[in-house]
Amino acid sequence: TTTTTTTTTTATTRAAPPARTTTTTDADAEAAEDILDAFFVGKALAETLLERAGGALADALGSVAKLDAQIQEEVRRFQEDVERRAREESERARRGGGGGGARDDQMR
């Protein structure tokens, strides 16, 4: 006699998880809108600060450039004054006018 053993395999089927339904409540929608509003307020704040800071920097650089130009003009005038006085003194000395100028006259 021959004995035959039959093994039966039973497949276990798992039930699919219940489908998730997304329901947005009024509170969720309001919270999302508040977050979005906060984002745009922050973005507008950053842009405004950058614009004003850029404007202030441009103004400051403009003032520095203006001051530099004024200083250069004063130095140029000073140099011209010194050169003019030196020429005048030199001419007086050549003509025999003593060449000492007002300062030498005060010392005599």
N, C-alpha and C. Protein backbone atom coordinates (compact mmCIF):
# COMPACT_ATOMS: atom_id res chain seq x y z
N THR A 1 0.82 -1.17 0.00
CA THR A 1 0.00 0.00 0.00
C THR A 1 0.87 1.24 0.00
N THR A 2 0.44 2.13 -0.67
CA THR A 2 1.13 3.41 -0.79
C THR A 2 0.26 4.49 -0.18
N THR A 3 0.92 5.29 0.60
CA THR A 3 0.19 6.40 1.23
C THR A 3 0.64 7.70 0.59
N THR A 4 -0.27 8.43 0.19
CA THR A 4 0.02 9.74 -0.42
C THR A 4 -0.47 10.83 0.50
N THR A 5 0.44 11.71 0.75
CA THR A 5 0.08 12.83 1.62
C THR A 5 -0.05 14.06 0.74
N THR A 6 -1.11 14.68 0.86
CA THR A 6 -1.32 15.90 0.08
C THR A 6 -1.33 17.09 1.04
N THR A 7 -0.52 18.03 0.69
CA THR A 7 -0.45 19.24 1.51
C THR A 7 -1.20 20.33 0.75
N THR A 8 -2.07 20.89 1.43
CA THR A 8 -2.81 21.98 0.78
C THR A 8 -2.31 23.30 1.36
N THR A 9 -2.10 24.18 0.50
CA THR A 9 -1.65 25.51 0.91
C THR A 9 -2.82 26.45 0.81
N THR A 10 -3.01 27.11 1.86
CA THR A 10 -4.09 28.10 1.83
C THR A 10 -3.45 29.49 1.81
N ALA A 11 -3.87 30.28 0.93
CA ALA A 11 -3.34 31.64 0.82
C ALA A 11 -4.10 32.54 1.77
N THR A 12 -3.31 33.27 2.50
CA THR A 12 -3.96 34.19 3.42
C THR A 12 -4.04 35.54 2.71
N THR A 13 -5.18 35.99 2.64
CA THR A 13 -5.35 37.30 2.02
C THR A 13 -5.54 38.33 3.11
N ARG A 14 -4.79 39.38 2.96
CA ARG A 14 -4.91 40.45 3.93
C ARG A 14 -5.91 41.46 3.41
N ALA A 15 -6.64 41.96 4.28
CA ALA A 15 -7.63 42.96 3.88
C ALA A 15 -6.90 44.28 3.67
N ALA A 16 -7.23 44.99 2.64
CA ALA A 16 -6.63 46.29 2.36
C ALA A 16 -7.04 47.27 3.45
N PRO A 17 -6.08 48.15 3.81
CA PRO A 17 -6.45 49.11 4.85
C PRO A 17 -7.57 50.01 4.35
N PRO A 18 -8.33 50.49 5.23
CA PRO A 18 -9.45 51.33 4.79
C PRO A 18 -8.91 52.56 4.07
N ALA A 19 -9.55 52.96 3.04
CA ALA A 19 -9.13 54.12 2.26
C ALA A 19 -9.19 55.36 3.13
N ARG A 20 -8.10 56.18 3.07
CA ARG A 20 -8.07 57.39 3.88
C ARG A 20 -8.85 58.46 3.15
N THR A 21 -9.72 59.01 3.82
CA THR A 21 -10.47 60.11 3.23
C THR A 21 -9.96 61.40 3.84
N THR A 22 -9.74 62.35 3.01
CA THR A 22 -9.25 63.63 3.50
C THR A 22 -10.43 64.56 3.61
N THR A 23 -10.68 64.88 4.78
CA THR A 23 -11.74 65.85 5.00
C THR A 23 -11.12 67.08 5.63
N THR A 24 -11.33 68.19 5.03
CA THR A 24 -10.77 69.43 5.53
C THR A 24 -11.87 70.14 6.29
N THR A 25 -11.56 70.35 7.50
CA THR A 25 -12.54 71.07 8.31
C THR A 25 -12.31 72.56 8.14
N ASP A 26 -13.23 73.33 8.61
CA ASP A 26 -13.11 74.78 8.52
C ASP A 26 -11.89 75.27 9.31
N ALA A 27 -11.62 74.63 10.42
CA ALA A 27 -10.47 75.03 11.24
C ALA A 27 -9.16 74.76 10.51
N ASP A 28 -9.09 73.62 9.82
CA ASP A 28 -7.88 73.29 9.04
C ASP A 28 -7.69 74.30 7.91
N ALA A 29 -8.74 74.64 7.23
CA ALA A 29 -8.66 75.58 6.12
C ALA A 29 -8.22 76.96 6.63
N GLU A 30 -8.75 77.36 7.75
CA GLU A 30 -8.39 78.66 8.33
C GLU A 30 -6.92 78.67 8.76
N ALA A 31 -6.45 77.56 9.35
CA ALA A 31 -5.05 77.47 9.76
C ALA A 31 -4.13 77.53 8.55
N ALA A 32 -4.49 76.85 7.48
CA ALA A 32 -3.68 76.87 6.27
C ALA A 32 -3.65 78.27 5.68
N GLU A 33 -4.77 78.96 5.70
CA GLU A 33 -4.83 80.32 5.18
C GLU A 33 -3.99 81.26 6.05
N ASP A 34 -4.02 81.07 7.35
CA ASP A 34 -3.20 81.90 8.25
C ASP A 34 -1.70 81.69 7.97
N ILE A 35 -1.32 80.45 7.75
CA ILE A 35 0.08 80.15 7.45
C ILE A 35 0.49 80.80 6.13
N LEU A 36 -0.35 80.71 5.14
CA LEU A 36 -0.07 81.33 3.85
C LEU A 36 0.02 82.85 3.98
N ASP A 37 -0.89 83.43 4.75
CA ASP A 37 -0.84 84.89 4.98
C ASP A 37 0.47 85.27 5.67
N ALA A 38 0.88 84.50 6.66
CA ALA A 38 2.13 84.78 7.38
C ALA A 38 3.33 84.69 6.44
N PHE A 39 3.31 83.75 5.53
CA PHE A 39 4.39 83.62 4.55
C PHE A 39 4.51 84.89 3.71
N PHE A 40 3.37 85.36 3.20
CA PHE A 40 3.41 86.55 2.34
C PHE A 40 3.77 87.81 3.12
N VAL A 41 3.35 87.89 4.37
CA VAL A 41 3.74 89.03 5.20
C VAL A 41 5.25 89.00 5.42
N GLY A 42 5.80 87.84 5.71
CA GLY A 42 7.25 87.71 5.89
C GLY A 42 8.02 88.04 4.62
N LYS A 43 7.51 87.60 3.51
CA LYS A 43 8.16 87.88 2.23
C LYS A 43 8.14 89.39 1.94
N ALA A 44 6.99 90.02 2.16
CA ALA A 44 6.88 91.46 1.93
C ALA A 44 7.79 92.23 2.87
N LEU A 45 7.89 91.78 4.12
CA LEU A 45 8.77 92.42 5.10
C LEU A 45 10.23 92.35 4.63
N ALA A 46 10.65 91.19 4.21
CA ALA A 46 12.04 91.01 3.75
C ALA A 46 12.33 91.88 2.53
N GLU A 47 11.42 91.92 1.58
CA GLU A 47 11.63 92.74 0.39
C GLU A 47 11.70 94.22 0.73
N THR A 48 10.81 94.68 1.62
CA THR A 48 10.80 96.08 2.02
C THR A 48 12.08 96.46 2.75
N LEU A 49 12.52 95.59 3.65
CA LEU A 49 13.76 95.86 4.37
C LEU A 49 14.95 95.94 3.42
N LEU A 50 15.00 95.03 2.46
CA LEU A 50 16.10 95.05 1.49
C LEU A 50 16.10 96.32 0.65
N GLU A 51 14.90 96.74 0.23
CA GLU A 51 14.81 97.96 -0.57
C GLU A 51 15.27 99.17 0.23
N ARG A 52 14.79 99.27 1.48
CA ARG A 52 15.16 100.42 2.30
C ARG A 52 16.63 100.39 2.67
N ALA A 53 17.14 99.22 2.98
CA ALA A 53 18.56 99.12 3.31
C ALA A 53 19.40 99.48 2.09
N GLY A 54 18.98 99.03 0.92
CA GLY A 54 19.69 99.37 -0.30
C GLY A 54 19.65 100.86 -0.56
N GLY A 55 18.50 101.48 -0.32
CA GLY A 55 18.38 102.92 -0.50
C GLY A 55 19.25 103.68 0.48
N ALA A 56 19.26 103.23 1.73
CA ALA A 56 20.09 103.88 2.74
C ALA A 56 21.57 103.74 2.41
N LEU A 57 21.96 102.57 1.93
CA LEU A 57 23.35 102.36 1.54
C LEU A 57 23.73 103.25 0.37
N ALA A 58 22.84 103.36 -0.60
CA ALA A 58 23.11 104.22 -1.76
C ALA A 58 23.24 105.67 -1.32
N ASP A 59 22.38 106.11 -0.40
CA ASP A 59 22.46 107.48 0.11
C ASP A 59 23.78 107.71 0.84
N ALA A 60 24.16 106.74 1.66
CA ALA A 60 25.41 106.88 2.42
C ALA A 60 26.61 106.93 1.48
N LEU A 61 26.63 106.07 0.49
CA LEU A 61 27.74 106.08 -0.48
C LEU A 61 27.76 107.39 -1.27
N GLY A 62 26.58 107.90 -1.59
CA GLY A 62 26.50 109.18 -2.28
C GLY A 62 27.06 110.31 -1.43
N SER A 63 26.75 110.28 -0.14
CA SER A 63 27.28 111.31 0.77
C SER A 63 28.79 111.21 0.90
N VAL A 64 29.29 109.99 0.98
CA VAL A 64 30.74 109.81 1.08
C VAL A 64 31.42 110.31 -0.20
N ALA A 65 30.84 110.01 -1.33
CA ALA A 65 31.42 110.45 -2.60
C ALA A 65 31.39 111.98 -2.70
N LYS A 66 30.30 112.58 -2.23
CA LYS A 66 30.19 114.04 -2.25
C LYS A 66 31.23 114.67 -1.33
N LEU A 67 31.40 114.10 -0.14
CA LEU A 67 32.40 114.61 0.79
C LEU A 67 33.80 114.47 0.21
N ASP A 68 34.07 113.35 -0.42
CA ASP A 68 35.37 113.13 -1.05
C ASP A 68 35.63 114.18 -2.13
N ALA A 69 34.60 114.47 -2.93
CA ALA A 69 34.75 115.48 -3.98
C ALA A 69 35.01 116.86 -3.37
N GLN A 70 34.32 117.17 -2.27
CA GLN A 70 34.54 118.46 -1.61
C GLN A 70 35.96 118.57 -1.05
N ILE A 71 36.43 117.49 -0.46
CA ILE A 71 37.79 117.49 0.09
C ILE A 71 38.81 117.67 -1.02
N GLN A 72 38.61 116.96 -2.13
CA GLN A 72 39.53 117.10 -3.26
C GLN A 72 39.53 118.53 -3.81
N GLU A 73 38.35 119.15 -3.85
CA GLU A 73 38.25 120.53 -4.33
C GLU A 73 38.98 121.48 -3.38
N GLU A 74 38.84 121.27 -2.07
CA GLU A 74 39.55 122.11 -1.09
C GLU A 74 41.07 121.94 -1.22
N VAL A 75 41.52 120.72 -1.42
CA VAL A 75 42.96 120.46 -1.59
C VAL A 75 43.46 121.15 -2.86
N ARG A 76 42.66 121.06 -3.93
CA ARG A 76 43.05 121.71 -5.19
C ARG A 76 43.15 123.22 -5.00
N ARG A 77 42.18 123.82 -4.32
CA ARG A 77 42.21 125.27 -4.07
C ARG A 77 43.42 125.65 -3.21
N PHE A 78 43.70 124.85 -2.21
CA PHE A 78 44.84 125.10 -1.34
C PHE A 78 46.14 125.07 -2.16
N GLN A 79 46.27 124.06 -3.01
CA GLN A 79 47.47 123.95 -3.84
C GLN A 79 47.60 125.16 -4.77
N GLU A 80 46.49 125.56 -5.36
CA GLU A 80 46.53 126.73 -6.24
C GLU A 80 46.93 127.98 -5.47
N ASP A 81 46.42 128.14 -4.26
CA ASP A 81 46.74 129.30 -3.43
C ASP A 81 48.23 129.32 -3.10
N VAL A 82 48.75 128.15 -2.72
CA VAL A 82 50.18 128.06 -2.39
C VAL A 82 51.02 128.38 -3.62
N GLU A 83 50.67 127.81 -4.76
CA GLU A 83 51.41 128.06 -5.99
C GLU A 83 51.35 129.53 -6.41
N ARG A 84 50.17 130.15 -6.28
CA ARG A 84 50.02 131.56 -6.62
C ARG A 84 50.89 132.42 -5.73
N ARG A 85 50.87 132.17 -4.43
CA ARG A 85 51.69 132.94 -3.51
C ARG A 85 53.18 132.75 -3.79
N ALA A 86 53.56 131.53 -4.11
CA ALA A 86 54.97 131.26 -4.42
C ALA A 86 55.38 132.03 -5.68
N ARG A 87 54.52 132.05 -6.71
CA ARG A 87 54.83 132.78 -7.93
C ARG A 87 54.96 134.28 -7.65
N GLU A 88 54.03 134.82 -6.86
CA GLU A 88 54.08 136.25 -6.54
C GLU A 88 55.36 136.61 -5.80
N GLU A 89 55.71 135.79 -4.84
CA GLU A 89 56.94 136.05 -4.07
C GLU A 89 58.17 135.95 -4.97
N SER A 90 58.14 134.97 -5.86
CA SER A 90 59.26 134.79 -6.78
C SER A 90 59.40 136.00 -7.69
N GLU A 91 58.29 136.51 -8.21
CA GLU A 91 58.31 137.67 -9.09
C GLU A 91 58.82 138.91 -8.34
N ARG A 92 58.37 139.10 -7.11
CA ARG A 92 58.84 140.23 -6.31
C ARG A 92 60.35 140.15 -6.07
N ALA A 93 60.79 138.95 -5.81
CA ALA A 93 62.22 138.78 -5.55
C ALA A 93 63.04 139.10 -6.79
N ARG A 94 62.56 138.71 -7.95
CA ARG A 94 63.28 138.98 -9.19
C ARG A 94 63.31 140.48 -9.50
N ARG A 95 62.25 141.17 -9.16
CA ARG A 95 62.19 142.60 -9.42
C ARG A 95 62.95 143.40 -8.37
N GLY A 96 63.40 142.72 -7.35
CA GLY A 96 64.15 143.38 -6.30
C GLY A 96 63.26 143.95 -5.22
N GLY A 97 62.11 143.41 -5.08
CA GLY A 97 61.18 143.91 -4.08
C GLY A 97 61.39 143.32 -2.71
N GLY A 98 62.45 142.66 -2.46
CA GLY A 98 62.72 142.11 -1.14
C GLY A 98 62.29 140.68 -1.01
N GLY A 99 61.24 140.30 -1.60
CA GLY A 99 60.83 138.91 -1.63
C GLY A 99 60.39 138.34 -0.31
N GLY A 100 60.39 139.12 0.76
CA GLY A 100 60.02 138.57 2.05
C GLY A 100 58.55 138.52 2.29
N GLY A 101 57.80 139.34 1.59
CA GLY A 101 56.36 139.33 1.77
C GLY A 101 55.97 140.00 3.06
N ALA A 102 54.72 139.92 3.41
CA ALA A 102 54.20 140.60 4.60
C ALA A 102 54.82 140.06 5.87
N ARG A 103 55.13 138.84 5.90
CA ARG A 103 55.66 138.22 7.11
C ARG A 103 57.08 138.76 7.41
N ASP A 104 57.89 138.86 6.37
CA ASP A 104 59.24 139.38 6.57
C ASP A 104 59.20 140.85 6.97
N ASP A 105 58.22 141.58 6.42
CA ASP A 105 58.10 143.00 6.76
C ASP A 105 57.76 143.15 8.24
N GLN A 106 56.96 142.23 8.77
CA GLN A 106 56.58 142.31 10.18
C GLN A 106 57.78 142.00 11.07
N MET A 107 58.69 141.19 10.63
CA MET A 107 59.82 140.80 11.45
C MET A 107 60.89 141.89 11.49
N ARG A 108 60.90 142.78 10.53
CA ARG A 108 61.93 143.84 10.47
C ARG A 108 61.68 144.90 11.46
